[in-house]
């Protein structure tokens, strides 16, 4: 089966379980986005 990955290119956060993301498990993406925003405000 093909390699499956969900990536946020802005924050470089990756998750190897697309099905979980589709089911709403996005905490890692949200946390990475918050960290990215805090760093970009400096």
Protein backbone atom coordinates (compact mmCIF):
# COMPACT_ATOMS: atom_id res chain seq x y z
CA UNK A 1 0.00 0.00 0.00
CA UNK A 2 1.16 3.57 -0.59
CA UNK A 3 3.01 5.63 2.00
CA UNK A 4 0.49 7.76 3.88
CA UNK A 5 1.34 10.96 5.71
CA UNK A 6 -0.40 14.19 6.65
CA UNK A 7 1.97 17.16 6.67
CA UNK A 8 1.71 20.82 7.59
CA UNK A 9 4.40 22.42 5.46
CA UNK A 10 4.29 25.68 7.42
CA UNK A 11 5.04 24.12 10.81
CA UNK A 12 6.73 20.97 9.45
CA UNK A 13 4.47 18.84 11.68
CA UNK A 14 3.81 15.36 10.28
CA UNK A 15 1.49 12.55 11.26
CA UNK A 16 1.65 9.10 9.73
CA UNK A 17 -2.00 8.23 10.34
CA UNK A 18 -4.34 10.08 7.93
CA UNK A 19 -7.39 8.18 9.16
CA UNK A 20 -6.89 9.55 12.67
CA UNK A 21 -6.63 13.10 11.29
CA UNK A 22 -9.83 12.59 9.29
CA UNK A 23 -11.48 11.45 12.52
CA UNK A 24 -10.53 14.69 14.25
CA UNK A 25 -7.25 13.89 15.97
CA UNK A 26 -5.62 17.22 15.15
CA UNK A 27 -4.13 18.22 18.52
CA UNK A 28 -0.57 17.88 17.23
CA UNK A 29 -1.33 20.19 14.30
CA UNK A 30 -3.01 22.75 16.56
CA UNK A 31 -0.10 22.72 19.02
CA UNK A 32 2.45 23.03 16.21
CA UNK A 33 0.47 25.95 14.78
CA UNK A 34 0.43 27.72 18.14
CA UNK A 35 4.20 27.24 18.54
CA UNK A 36 4.77 28.49 14.98
CA UNK A 37 2.63 31.59 15.57
CA UNK A 38 4.41 32.43 18.84
CA UNK A 39 7.80 32.16 17.14
CA UNK A 40 6.72 34.26 14.15
CA UNK A 41 5.54 37.07 16.47
CA UNK A 42 9.02 37.55 17.97
